[in-house]
Amino acid sequence: MRASLSSFSSSSVLRDLPVLLVAVVWGSSFLAVQRVADPETVVAMLVLRFGLVLPLLGLVAWRSLRRLSRAEWLGGATLGLVLSGIFLLETYGAVHTSATNAGLIISLAMVLTPLGESALTRTAPPRAFLAAAGLAVLGVALLTGDGGLRPPTLGDLLVLGAALVRSAYVLATARTRAVRHTDMLAVTWVQLASATTVFAVVALSVGPAPWTIARSYGAGQWAWLLHLSLFCTLFAFFVQMWAVRATSPSRVSLLLGTEPLWAAVFGLTVAGNRMGPLALLGAALVLIATEWGRRTAPAPLPAENAGESAGEAEQPSPEPAPV
């Protein structure tokens, strides 16, 4: 019996480790962005980052892509436009604020999404969840004001905007009928391709050309860029796709929810971010509130779909990756 329990425990740990590693690399992504981009090169860097990912993901998704209908292509492309807004806001925000602030503020999407769900379904969220949301707001106020009465920086506001758009993206994805039962790999490629097209068009008039930035990068910057492309995007996607089948979605969500903690760790230890006592208290409140909110959030109602049973399970999809 003990051997059986030990074997089960070891197996559970092995399944959890890759998901936890995704949370760690996501937490490092804000620091990575600051190493490869500045306000003038954000768009060019995004073109390079996703330009490296698309061919690799496309090779794997080729068969599924050939089976997509016109409606599925259009649905995925539309969601990709929203996704491009998330990446632009997050990345511009990350280069205008600290890695610690960016990682903690973006985690508010975990609280904002259930609030949006409640508003759409016209159902009141639990009181405990509302208390968690209020605690999160207080934490962000202390964090961005560094414990004082100063207004948040431009970067803080941009990342907050990204959290709002990310919440809207999650809600829109769940309600877009054209992609609801589409192969997850294929629709992800379409969304990333659509977002990358937006970046490429914007890059024509904003900042230096992507190939100019590519030539200017040294070995260290290329290492950080590959980290963003291969680990924070490609690796994270495939681990999530595997994990929702190998373990429970709730467990995956719980492990990925540690991302803001790792962002704070990287920001304070590697980036050298400095925070006053009240700002540290604010950071702690954000971490506590987002986890409390995750545990007390109202369960999402199944989206209505004509001709389907109300309780029909939908294909799980990964959370949108951070910057």
Foldseek 3Di string as FASTA:
>chain_A
DVVVVVVVVVVVVVLLVLLLVLLLLLLCLLVLLLLQDALQCLLLLLLVQLVVQLVVLCVVCVVLLVPADPLLLVLLLVLLVLVLLLQVLLSNLSNFDFLLLLLLLLLCLLLLLLVVLCVVVVHDADPLLVVLNVLLVVLNCLQQCLNDNDDGTPSNVSSNVSSNSLSVSVVVQLASVSCFARDQSNSVSSSSVSSSVVSQVVQVPGHDHSVVSVVVDDPVSVVSSCSCRCRLPVSNQVSVLVSVVVDPPLSSVLSSLCNSVSNNVCRVPVVVDDGDPSSVVSSVSSSVSSNSNNVRRDDRFRHDDPPDDRPDDTDDGDRDGHD
